Amino acid sequence: MKVLVPVKRVLDYNVKPRVKADGTGVDLANVKMSMNPFDEIAVEEAIRLKEKGAASEVVVVTIGVAKAETDVLLTARAMGADRAILIATDDEVEPLGVAKLLKAVCDEEQPGLVILGKQAIDDDSNQTGQMLAALLGWPQGTFASKVEVNGDRVAVTREVDGGLETVDLKIPAIVTTDLRLNEPRYATLPNIMKAKSKPVAKKTVADYGVDVSLRLKTLKVVEPAKRSAGIKVPDVDTLVAKLKEMGVAK
C-alpha cells in the first residue's frame, strides 16, 4: 500500500511572527521556515506504517515555493520518505485549491492512505483533509491519536470532547493527525545526505489543470492586544474585595 503525505512549509514554530507594517499579512522575509509540526507527525506515522510492513512506499508532496525542495521535502525524505513531489508556485493557494491539487495527485498516484496534519500553524484552517475526502469521496478519520491498519481497513482512534472515538474506515481513506499520535524522529545529518539522492518530481499547478483562484480576501492582519499589567494586593481581604468589584466573586 502506498501512503501519500502532504506537507506544508510554514514559519518555524520557534519564531515569533511579525505583522507587516501595512497589515497585509505576516512578514516572512529572512525568517526560518520549516515543516508544519502536524505534518511532521503525519510523515512519522507513514514511516512507522512502512516499518511495520503495512505500507510499501511513502510519498510526500508539497505545494509552494521552490525552496521547499531543499528544506521541507529534504527533511521528509531524511526522516524516511521514499520520494517527493513539488508543485511549485509563488502564489498563495487556499485550502480548497490545495485539496483540488491533492485530489489530482491522488488520481495519479493511487495511494491507499493519505495522512496529513489536521491543520497548519500559519492559518489554522483545519479544512484541507476534510475537503480532500469530500472531493475524492473517501472515508475520513480526523484528529487521529492512533492509527491501525488491518488488511483493507484502517482503525482510527480520534480525540473528541467526551474522550476517544474509534472509527473503522475502508481503504482508500484520509487520516488527519493530532499531536498525541506520535513523536516525530529527527532527521540526522547522515540521513539528510542520503536523502539528496532520493527522487523529487517537479510539477506546476498548470500540469494538473486545476483552478486555484482565490475565493477569500484577507482584509487586515493585526497582532493580538498586549495583556495589561496586573496589580499587587496586600492581603486576602483586599483580593476578595477586588474580585467582587470585577464581578468574579460574590
Foldseek 3Di string as FASTA:
>chain_A
DEEEQEKEKDFDPVDDWDADPVQQFTDPPPGDIAIFPQSLLQLQVNQVCVVVVNHVAYEYEYEEAPCCVLHHVLFSVLLPHQEYEYAHDHDDFDLLLVLVVVLLVCVVPVGFEYEYAQAGPRPRPSPNLVNNCVVNVFAEAEQFQEWDDDPQKIWGWHQDPVGIDIDIGGTPYYYHYHPNNDDRDGRDPVSSVVSVPRYYHYHYSVVSVTDRDDPDHDPGHDDDDDDDDDDDDDDDVVVQVVCVVVVNHD
